[in-house]
Protein backbone atom coordinates (compact mmCIF):
# COMPACT_ATOMS: atom_id res chain seq x y z
CA MET A 1 6.89 26.33 -16.72
CA PHE A 2 5.63 29.84 -17.52
CA GLU A 3 4.45 28.70 -20.98
CA LYS A 4 2.48 25.85 -19.38
CA LEU A 5 0.81 28.25 -16.95
CA VAL A 6 -0.21 30.50 -19.86
CA GLN A 7 -1.48 27.43 -21.76
CA ILE A 8 -3.55 26.26 -18.78
CA PHE A 9 -5.43 29.56 -18.52
CA LYS A 10 -5.84 29.86 -22.30
CA ILE A 11 -7.71 26.55 -22.53
CA LYS A 12 -11.28 27.25 -21.43
CA ASP A 13 -12.14 23.74 -20.18
CA LEU A 14 -8.94 23.36 -18.14
CA ARG A 15 -9.26 26.90 -16.73
CA ARG A 16 -12.84 26.15 -15.66
CA LYS A 17 -11.75 22.97 -13.86
CA ILE A 18 -8.96 24.70 -11.94
CA LEU A 19 -11.19 27.62 -10.94
CA PHE A 20 -13.83 25.14 -9.78
CA VAL A 21 -11.27 23.40 -7.53
CA LEU A 22 -10.16 26.76 -6.09
CA GLY A 23 -13.79 27.70 -5.44
CA VAL A 24 -14.36 24.45 -3.51
CA PHE A 25 -11.22 25.21 -1.47
CA VAL A 26 -12.74 28.57 -0.47
CA VAL A 27 -15.98 26.88 0.64
CA PHE A 28 -13.97 24.30 2.63
CA ARG A 29 -11.93 26.96 4.45
CA ILE A 30 -15.06 28.99 5.29
CA MET A 31 -16.61 25.88 6.85
CA ALA A 32 -13.37 25.15 8.70
CA ASN A 33 -13.73 28.45 10.56
CA ILE A 34 -17.40 28.03 11.62
CA PRO A 35 -17.23 26.64 15.20
CA VAL A 36 -19.62 24.40 17.10
CA PRO A 37 -21.27 26.43 19.95
CA GLY A 38 -19.98 26.18 23.54
CA ILE A 39 -16.19 26.38 23.03
CA ASN A 40 -13.80 27.51 25.79
CA ILE A 41 -10.74 28.80 23.90
CA GLU A 42 -8.29 28.71 26.83
CA ASN A 43 -9.24 25.18 27.90
CA LEU A 44 -9.09 24.07 24.27
CA ARG A 45 -5.53 25.39 23.92
CA GLU A 46 -4.49 23.63 27.13
CA PHE A 47 -6.02 20.39 25.88
CA PHE A 48 -3.95 20.39 22.67
CA GLU A 49 -0.78 21.22 24.63
CA ARG A 50 -1.46 18.28 26.94
CA PHE A 51 -2.45 15.72 24.28
CA GLN A 52 0.15 16.30 21.55
CA MET A 53 -0.97 13.29 19.50
CA PHE A 54 -4.21 15.16 18.77
CA GLY A 55 -2.01 17.93 17.35
CA LEU A 56 -0.92 15.57 14.56
CA LEU A 57 -4.55 14.71 13.84
CA ASN A 58 -5.36 18.44 13.84
CA VAL A 59 -2.75 19.08 11.14
CA PHE A 60 -4.17 16.22 9.07
CA VAL A 61 -7.73 17.68 9.17
CA GLY A 62 -6.50 21.19 8.35
CA GLY A 63 -6.77 22.78 11.81
CA THR A 64 -10.53 22.17 11.98
CA LEU A 65 -10.17 20.11 15.17
CA SER A 66 -8.43 22.87 17.15
CA ARG A 67 -11.29 25.23 16.20
CA ILE A 68 -13.98 22.57 16.88
CA SER A 69 -15.51 23.59 13.57
CA ILE A 70 -18.52 21.98 11.91
CA VAL A 71 -16.07 19.95 9.76
CA MET A 72 -13.83 19.03 12.71
CA LEU A 73 -13.71 15.33 11.70
CA GLY A 74 -12.48 16.12 8.19
CA LEU A 75 -12.61 13.20 5.78
CA GLY A 76 -11.27 10.72 8.34
CA PRO A 77 -14.52 8.68 8.73
CA TYR A 78 -14.89 8.36 4.94
CA ILE A 79 -11.29 7.19 4.51
CA THR A 80 -11.70 4.75 7.42
CA ALA A 81 -14.89 3.35 5.82
CA ILE A 82 -13.09 2.78 2.50
CA VAL A 83 -10.15 1.06 4.24
CA ILE A 84 -12.51 -1.15 6.30
CA PHE A 85 -14.40 -2.26 3.19
CA GLN A 86 -11.15 -2.96 1.34
CA LEU A 87 -10.01 -5.13 4.26
CA LEU A 88 -13.40 -6.89 4.26
CA THR A 89 -12.69 -8.06 0.69
CA LEU A 90 -10.30 -10.56 2.30
CA ILE A 91 -13.17 -12.05 4.34
CA PHE A 92 -16.17 -11.84 1.98
CA PRO A 93 -15.62 -13.22 -1.56
CA ALA A 94 -18.73 -11.37 -2.82
CA LEU A 95 -17.15 -8.01 -1.91
CA GLU A 96 -13.89 -9.06 -3.56
CA ARG A 97 -15.70 -9.98 -6.79
CA MET A 98 -17.58 -6.68 -6.70
CA TYR A 99 -14.39 -4.63 -6.25
CA LYS A 100 -12.05 -6.53 -8.58
CA GLU A 101 -14.14 -8.35 -11.21
CA GLU A 102 -17.31 -6.34 -11.88
CA GLY A 103 -15.52 -3.36 -13.41
CA GLU A 104 -16.63 0.25 -13.02
CA ALA A 105 -20.21 -0.65 -11.99
CA GLY A 106 -18.91 -2.87 -9.19
CA ARG A 107 -16.55 -0.17 -7.90
CA ARG A 108 -19.43 2.34 -7.89
CA ARG A 109 -21.52 -0.01 -5.74
CA PHE A 110 -18.51 -0.63 -3.48
CA ASN A 111 -17.99 3.13 -3.00
CA GLN A 112 -21.72 3.58 -2.31
CA TYR A 113 -21.49 1.09 0.57
CA ALA A 114 -18.48 3.00 1.91
CA ARG A 115 -20.47 6.27 1.78
CA ILE A 116 -23.34 4.71 3.74
CA ALA A 117 -20.92 3.34 6.37
CA THR A 118 -19.39 6.81 6.74
CA VAL A 119 -22.54 8.11 8.48
CA PRO A 120 -22.41 5.85 11.60
CA LEU A 121 -18.61 6.07 11.73
CA ALA A 122 -18.73 9.89 11.69
CA ALA A 123 -21.49 9.96 14.34
CA LEU A 124 -19.55 7.56 16.60
CA GLN A 125 -16.26 9.43 16.17
CA GLY A 126 -18.00 12.78 16.67
CA TYR A 127 -19.66 11.57 19.88
CA GLY A 128 -16.36 10.25 21.25
CA MET A 129 -14.41 13.40 20.39
CA LEU A 130 -17.03 15.85 21.66
CA THR A 131 -17.55 13.90 24.89
CA LEU A 132 -13.79 13.74 25.49
CA LEU A 133 -13.44 17.50 24.92
CA GLN A 134 -16.41 18.13 27.21
CA ARG A 135 -14.86 16.04 30.02
CA GLN A 136 -11.62 18.02 29.65
CA GLY A 137 -13.53 21.30 29.93
CA ALA A 138 -12.57 22.44 26.42
CA ILE A 139 -16.24 22.69 25.41
CA SER A 140 -19.51 22.70 27.33
CA PHE A 141 -23.08 21.83 26.38
CA ALA A 142 -26.02 23.09 28.38
CA SER A 143 -28.15 19.99 27.68
CA PRO A 144 -28.00 16.55 26.01
CA GLN A 145 -30.04 18.05 23.16
CA MET A 146 -27.16 20.46 22.40
CA LEU A 147 -24.68 17.55 22.38
CA PHE A 148 -26.95 15.59 20.03
CA SER A 149 -27.27 18.64 17.77
CA ALA A 150 -23.47 19.04 17.69
CA ILE A 151 -23.02 15.35 16.74
CA ILE A 152 -25.55 15.73 13.90
CA THR A 153 -23.77 18.90 12.75
CA VAL A 154 -20.24 17.42 12.61
CA THR A 155 -21.59 14.26 10.92
CA ALA A 156 -23.31 16.41 8.28
CA GLY A 157 -20.06 18.39 7.89
CA THR A 158 -18.12 15.21 7.09
CA MET A 159 -20.75 14.10 4.56
CA PHE A 160 -20.68 17.55 2.94
CA LEU A 161 -16.88 17.39 2.62
CA MET A 162 -17.17 13.93 1.10
CA TRP A 163 -19.62 15.36 -1.47
CA LEU A 164 -17.26 18.25 -2.23
CA GLY A 165 -14.41 15.80 -2.76
CA GLU A 166 -16.46 13.78 -5.22
CA LEU A 167 -17.49 16.96 -7.05
CA ILE A 168 -13.80 17.85 -7.50
CA THR A 169 -13.06 14.36 -8.87
CA GLU A 170 -16.01 14.58 -11.27
CA LYS A 171 -15.94 18.22 -12.43
CA GLY A 172 -12.48 19.43 -11.46
CA ILE A 173 -9.03 17.94 -11.87
CA GLY A 174 -7.21 15.52 -9.57
CA ASN A 175 -8.47 13.35 -6.73
CA GLY A 176 -11.01 15.33 -4.68
CA VAL A 177 -10.41 13.71 -1.28
CA SER A 178 -6.62 14.08 -1.58
CA LEU A 179 -6.92 17.70 -2.72
CA LEU A 180 -9.15 18.64 0.27
CA ILE A 181 -6.67 17.07 2.70
CA PHE A 182 -3.86 18.90 0.86
CA ALA A 183 -5.75 22.21 1.15
CA GLY A 184 -6.24 21.73 4.89
CA ILE A 185 -2.54 21.02 5.50
CA VAL A 186 -1.32 23.93 3.36
CA ALA A 187 -3.81 26.32 5.02
CA GLU A 188 -2.22 25.63 8.43
CA MET A 189 1.36 26.29 7.29
CA PRO A 190 1.30 30.12 7.61
CA SER A 191 0.02 29.77 11.18
CA ASN A 192 2.81 27.30 12.04
CA ILE A 193 5.47 29.56 10.49
CA ARG A 194 4.10 32.56 12.38
CA GLN A 195 4.20 30.58 15.64
CA ALA A 196 7.80 29.58 15.07
CA LEU A 197 8.88 33.14 14.19
CA ILE A 198 7.21 34.56 17.33
CA ALA A 199 9.04 32.01 19.51
CA TRP A 200 12.38 32.59 17.74
CA THR A 201 15.47 33.63 19.73
CA PRO A 202 19.11 34.02 18.52
CA ALA A 203 20.07 30.99 20.63
CA GLN A 204 17.89 28.81 18.41
CA LEU A 205 19.81 29.69 15.21
CA PRO A 206 21.57 26.26 14.97
CA SER A 207 18.18 24.53 15.39
CA TYR A 208 16.66 26.62 12.59
CA ILE A 209 19.62 25.85 10.28
CA PHE A 210 19.16 22.16 11.05
CA PHE A 211 15.44 22.56 10.37
CA ILE A 212 16.05 24.07 6.90
CA PHE A 213 18.48 21.27 6.07
CA ALA A 214 16.04 18.61 7.35
CA THR A 215 13.20 20.17 5.33
CA PHE A 216 15.03 19.91 2.01
CA LEU A 217 16.30 16.42 2.89
CA ILE A 218 12.79 15.17 3.74
CA ILE A 219 11.22 16.69 0.61
CA PHE A 220 13.98 15.20 -1.56
CA GLY A 221 13.52 11.77 0.05
CA VAL A 222 9.73 11.88 -0.28
CA VAL A 223 9.90 12.83 -3.98
CA MET A 224 12.50 10.13 -4.72
CA VAL A 225 10.62 7.32 -2.97
CA THR A 226 7.19 8.43 -4.25
CA GLU A 227 8.44 8.38 -7.85
CA ALA A 228 10.69 5.30 -7.47
CA ARG A 229 9.62 2.17 -9.36
CA ARG A 230 10.96 -1.29 -9.99
CA ASN A 231 10.41 -2.05 -13.68
CA ILE A 232 9.81 -5.74 -14.45
CA PRO A 233 10.41 -6.57 -18.17
CA VAL A 234 7.42 -8.08 -20.01
CA SER A 235 7.36 -9.48 -23.55
CA TYR A 236 4.34 -10.35 -25.70
CA ALA A 237 4.28 -13.30 -28.05
CA LYS A 238 3.57 -12.74 -31.74
CA ARG A 239 0.04 -13.65 -32.83
CA VAL A 240 -1.39 -13.83 -36.36
CA ARG A 241 -5.03 -12.80 -36.86
CA GLY A 242 -6.18 -12.89 -40.45
CA ILE A 243 -3.46 -11.26 -42.50
CA ARG A 244 -2.10 -9.15 -39.62
CA MET A 245 0.49 -9.92 -36.98
CA TYR A 246 0.08 -8.63 -33.43
CA GLY A 247 2.41 -8.61 -30.40
CA GLY A 248 6.10 -9.25 -30.50
CA VAL A 249 6.81 -6.13 -28.45
CA SER A 250 8.64 -5.70 -25.15
CA THR A 251 7.56 -3.40 -22.34
CA TYR A 252 7.72 -3.38 -18.55
CA LEU A 253 5.43 -3.74 -15.55
CA PRO A 254 6.08 -0.83 -13.11
CA MET A 255 6.01 -1.73 -9.41
CA ASN A 256 6.03 1.28 -7.07
CA VAL A 257 8.40 1.28 -4.11
CA ASN A 258 5.56 2.83 -2.10
CA PRO A 259 2.41 1.26 -3.61
CA ALA A 260 0.23 1.92 -0.54
CA GLY A 261 0.66 5.71 -0.56
CA VAL A 262 -0.29 7.44 2.68
CA ILE A 263 -3.14 5.02 3.59
CA PRO A 264 -1.08 2.94 6.11
CA ILE A 265 -0.17 6.11 8.04
CA ILE A 266 -3.80 7.21 8.16
CA PHE A 267 -4.99 3.78 9.27
CA ALA A 268 -2.25 3.39 11.92
CA LEU A 269 -3.06 6.85 13.27
CA SER A 270 -6.75 5.93 13.54
CA VAL A 271 -5.91 2.68 15.37
CA LEU A 272 -3.64 4.52 17.82
CA LEU A 273 -6.04 7.37 18.50
CA PHE A 274 -9.09 5.15 19.09
CA PRO A 275 -7.90 3.38 22.29
CA SER A 276 -6.39 6.63 23.58
CA MET A 277 -9.69 8.44 23.04
CA ILE A 278 -11.68 5.67 24.77
CA ALA A 279 -9.18 5.54 27.67
CA ASN A 280 -9.39 9.30 28.23
CA PHE A 281 -13.17 9.05 28.02
CA LEU A 282 -13.33 6.31 30.71
CA SER A 283 -10.57 7.66 32.98
CA GLY A 284 -13.06 9.87 34.84
CA VAL A 285 -15.44 6.98 35.61
CA GLY A 286 -13.56 5.85 38.74
CA GLY A 287 -13.08 2.38 40.21
CA THR A 288 -11.20 -0.43 38.49
CA VAL A 289 -12.36 0.59 35.00
CA GLY A 290 -11.20 4.17 35.53
CA GLU A 291 -7.82 3.00 36.88
CA ILE A 292 -7.20 0.69 33.89
CA ALA A 293 -8.28 3.45 31.50
CA GLN A 294 -5.91 5.92 33.18
CA ASN A 295 -2.99 3.47 32.87
CA ILE A 296 -3.75 3.03 29.17
CA ALA A 297 -3.96 6.81 28.71
CA ASP A 298 -0.59 7.25 30.49
CA PHE A 299 0.94 4.57 28.26
CA PHE A 300 -0.12 6.42 25.12
CA GLU A 301 1.21 9.68 26.54
CA ASN A 302 4.75 8.22 26.60
CA GLN A 303 6.16 9.70 23.39
CA ILE A 304 8.90 7.06 22.92
CA LEU A 305 6.54 4.09 23.30
CA TRP A 306 3.92 5.83 21.16
CA GLY A 307 6.50 6.50 18.42
CA VAL A 308 7.75 2.88 18.41
CA LEU A 309 4.19 1.52 18.27
CA TYR A 310 3.30 4.00 15.51
CA PHE A 311 6.32 2.90 13.43
CA ILE A 312 5.47 -0.81 13.83
CA LEU A 313 1.80 -0.31 12.91
CA VAL A 314 2.67 1.72 9.78
CA PHE A 315 5.19 -0.95 8.73
CA VAL A 316 2.65 -3.78 9.20
CA PHE A 317 -0.25 -1.93 7.57
CA THR A 318 1.91 -1.12 4.51
CA TYR A 319 2.33 -4.84 3.86
CA PHE A 320 -1.29 -5.63 4.74
CA TYR A 321 -2.86 -2.90 2.57
CA THR A 322 -0.62 -3.72 -0.40
CA MET A 323 -1.59 -7.40 -0.21
CA VAL A 324 -5.24 -6.30 -0.46
CA THR A 325 -4.84 -3.95 -3.42
CA PHE A 326 -2.00 -5.68 -5.34
CA ASP A 327 -2.60 -9.36 -6.17
CA PRO A 328 0.34 -11.06 -7.99
CA LYS A 329 -1.89 -14.00 -8.95
CA THR A 330 -4.41 -11.75 -10.76
CA ILE A 331 -1.62 -9.86 -12.56
CA SER A 332 -0.03 -13.16 -13.62
CA GLN A 333 -3.36 -14.42 -14.99
CA ASN A 334 -3.98 -11.15 -16.88
CA LEU A 335 -0.50 -11.31 -18.44
CA GLN A 336 -1.09 -14.90 -19.53
CA LYS A 337 -4.49 -14.03 -21.07
CA MET A 338 -2.91 -11.22 -23.11
CA GLY A 339 -0.04 -13.40 -24.29
CA GLY A 340 2.51 -11.67 -22.11
CA PHE A 341 5.35 -13.25 -20.13
CA ILE A 342 8.39 -12.26 -18.07
CA PRO A 343 11.58 -13.36 -19.90
CA GLY A 344 13.11 -16.40 -18.21
CA ILE A 345 10.00 -17.07 -16.07
CA ARG A 346 7.33 -19.62 -16.99
CA PRO A 347 3.74 -18.25 -17.18
CA GLY A 348 1.30 -19.22 -14.43
CA PRO A 349 2.36 -20.12 -10.85
CA SER A 350 6.05 -19.42 -11.54
CA THR A 351 5.21 -15.84 -12.60
CA THR A 352 3.03 -15.41 -9.48
CA ARG A 353 5.89 -16.54 -7.21
CA TYR A 354 8.37 -14.27 -9.03
CA LEU A 355 6.08 -11.22 -8.72
CA SER A 356 5.49 -11.98 -5.00
CA PHE A 357 9.25 -12.25 -4.44
CA ILE A 358 9.94 -8.90 -6.14
CA LEU A 359 6.99 -7.23 -4.37
CA HIS A 360 8.15 -8.27 -0.89
CA ARG A 361 11.70 -7.04 -1.54
CA VAL A 362 10.53 -3.67 -2.89
CA LEU A 363 7.82 -3.33 -0.24
CA PHE A 364 10.34 -3.65 2.60
CA ILE A 365 11.99 -0.40 1.47
CA GLY A 366 8.60 1.31 1.07
CA ALA A 367 7.35 0.17 4.50
CA LEU A 368 10.59 1.27 6.18
CA PHE A 369 10.34 4.64 4.47
CA LEU A 370 6.70 5.15 5.52
CA GLY A 371 7.49 4.18 9.11
CA LEU A 372 10.33 6.72 9.30
CA ILE A 373 8.16 9.39 7.68
CA ALA A 374 5.41 8.75 10.27
CA VAL A 375 7.67 9.31 13.29
CA MET A 376 9.60 12.20 11.69
CA PRO A 377 7.71 14.95 13.62
CA SER A 378 8.75 13.47 16.97
CA ILE A 379 12.39 13.15 15.83
CA VAL A 380 12.54 16.73 14.53
CA GLN A 381 10.88 18.09 17.67
CA GLY A 382 13.33 16.20 19.89
CA LEU A 383 16.39 17.46 17.96
CA THR A 384 15.38 21.07 17.34
CA ARG A 385 12.94 21.74 20.22
CA ILE A 386 10.84 23.71 17.69
CA ILE A 387 7.34 22.36 18.24
CA ALA A 388 5.64 24.53 15.61
CA PHE A 389 7.94 23.32 12.84
CA SER A 390 7.83 19.67 13.88
CA PHE A 391 4.29 19.35 12.55
CA LEU A 392 5.00 21.67 9.62
CA ILE A 393 7.56 19.24 8.15
CA GLY A 394 5.85 16.23 9.63
CA GLY A 395 6.38 13.30 7.31
CA THR A 396 2.67 12.67 6.80
CA SER A 397 2.06 16.28 5.74
CA VAL A 398 4.99 16.36 3.32
CA LEU A 399 4.08 12.95 1.88
CA ILE A 400 0.49 14.04 1.20
CA ILE A 401 1.56 17.42 -0.25
CA VAL A 402 4.18 15.90 -2.56
CA ALA A 403 1.95 13.02 -3.68
CA VAL A 404 -1.02 15.32 -4.42
CA VAL A 405 1.10 17.91 -6.26
CA LEU A 406 2.80 15.27 -8.42
CA ASP A 407 -0.49 13.52 -9.23
CA THR A 408 -2.27 16.80 -10.09
CA LEU A 409 0.64 17.98 -12.27
CA LYS A 410 0.57 14.66 -14.13
CA GLN A 411 -3.16 15.05 -14.80
CA ILE A 412 -2.70 18.65 -15.99
CA ASN A 413 0.15 17.56 -18.31
CA ALA A 414 -2.03 14.73 -19.64
CA GLN A 415 -4.80 17.24 -20.41
CA LEU A 416 -2.32 19.51 -22.22
CA GLN A 417 -0.83 16.62 -24.22
CA MET A 418 -4.30 15.41 -25.18
CA ARG A 419 -5.07 18.80 -26.68
CA GLU A 420 -1.74 18.77 -28.55
CA TYR A 421 -2.72 15.42 -30.12
CA GLU A 422 -6.11 16.85 -31.08
CA LYS A 423 -4.33 19.67 -32.95
CA ILE A 424 -2.19 17.14 -34.83
């Protein structure tokens, strides 16, 4: 490990990429601490104690929401736009062809549409969040012009973060969006640890021991499931071209146990927060509409019902998102074109059915795992009564941290190996 670290900083190109990523992290954290004008700190603290589900969202955006910073929305609108467009590929064949058949140029156009859609999504989400906070007394604006200015500011902050993420992907190392989310989560950990240490009493010692045990257990489980794969054997027929023979080799098709990553959790969280935000926004209207909105808000405040609904949505979205991004029919056709086949399975429709069968069996384990990971903060909080740590080891946070670290390490190792091959 030490030799690899020395190697990384000896190679000029790799050192430059890592320093560039660290520099972007510094810019991101500076922006995360620049607040929107008109904040009432005490009322803001009370708001997050009252609406604990916003605390989970705050951890996901790196604490920017609790500070009402200019990047308070994080990269949520951009991720939502990408997910929406990927779901639209099921409805519009032209979008599906663009994303799956037109290669790199098609994916660039697809991502450009997602960037454009991010602007109205960020403005709408910013308006809803700022208005909700204003109704709760957490922030105050002297005039509608100030509110409009704040909406423009937070929308621009989201677009700037999106640009930073793409810069990391292009000039740095790793996936830029994932690394910015990772930086936000890690930046909040010292604050959470400090909170827990301040609130510590000797009577809580068993809870802290249980917490340490749960932490290692969760990290171990996340690493195992993130890296777990079901390998499907694939053989290639021998082909003669000219005087040379090709093929005749055996390999495997890896199928991840968790192919959807953290996207289903993000999407389920967005779906749950949207009606809650609207209900809290309309609860002060009065009359029948206000009464219905208040009942909906009370329903979402019930932690048990919220946790059950959250688990179900994550489970369903895991299947749904995987069906969008992983098409057994396309894989079967590609295998057939390249002369590949699964031993004992006929090429064509039989291979498609076999891949679908394996995918659904593997995906059940992945969906169950993601659902448990999503509700882990509530379970830990209920068992240990340590609120600060419940979000610190929250399944979503650990899943993102582990996935990003593993992916970045793989890319760094690939860069090192590439340079070893160049030497040879």
